[in-house]
């Protein structure tokens, strides 16, 4: 911007001087307005950016709040289930060092083919009166038709030494071990005042196991016949 000095006014009419001053004033005002407008536009743009950032942050806060509420609900559900599991654990059937009667498998027995007694061969008397060993006509010396195993169950007095507790979504499973029975054995326990019940249960398991073996043996023989 150029400014007029006193020499520039020399010889000019007063009205001309007024016009020049007015023009200069208008230019200055215009420059000030344009400068102010530019600054206002910059401020408005910055304000709009901050508004968008604030809206985004508000949205994030709302989403985090909803997620937090969902997590709190899930925590309460899990706490409720855990409390239920603990209640079940507190109601264990036996205590450590408690004396019990253990019902356990006392060894495997065998149900054998009624014709050859599981040998696979039968003695036959020939036309010449001599005795011959022939393949059994009932089981044909087939292992599954020759014999089937079953379990004999007994009881013994024992003492609980540990409890292995497994908690799953649907149930709480407890496996006990005693001094005479490790955890991996399928053993059932009765209180020390339930000796008769333990004996009856061992007898029942033995009979069921033997009956199942006889069914398997008979089924295998029927398959052979077909």
Foldseek 3Di string as FASTA:
>chain_A
DDDDDPVVCPPPDPVVVVVVVVVVVVVVVVVVVVVVVVVVVVVVVVVVVVVVVVVVVVVVVVVVVVVVVVVVVVVVVVVVVVVVQVVVVVPDPDDAFAKWKKKAFPDKDKDFQPQPRLPQWHWDQDPVRDIDTGGDPQQSSDNQLGMFIFTQIDIDIWGWHDWDWDDDPPDIDIFTATPVGDRVGPMDIGHPVCVVVSGVVSVVRRVVRVVVRVVSNVVSSVVVVD
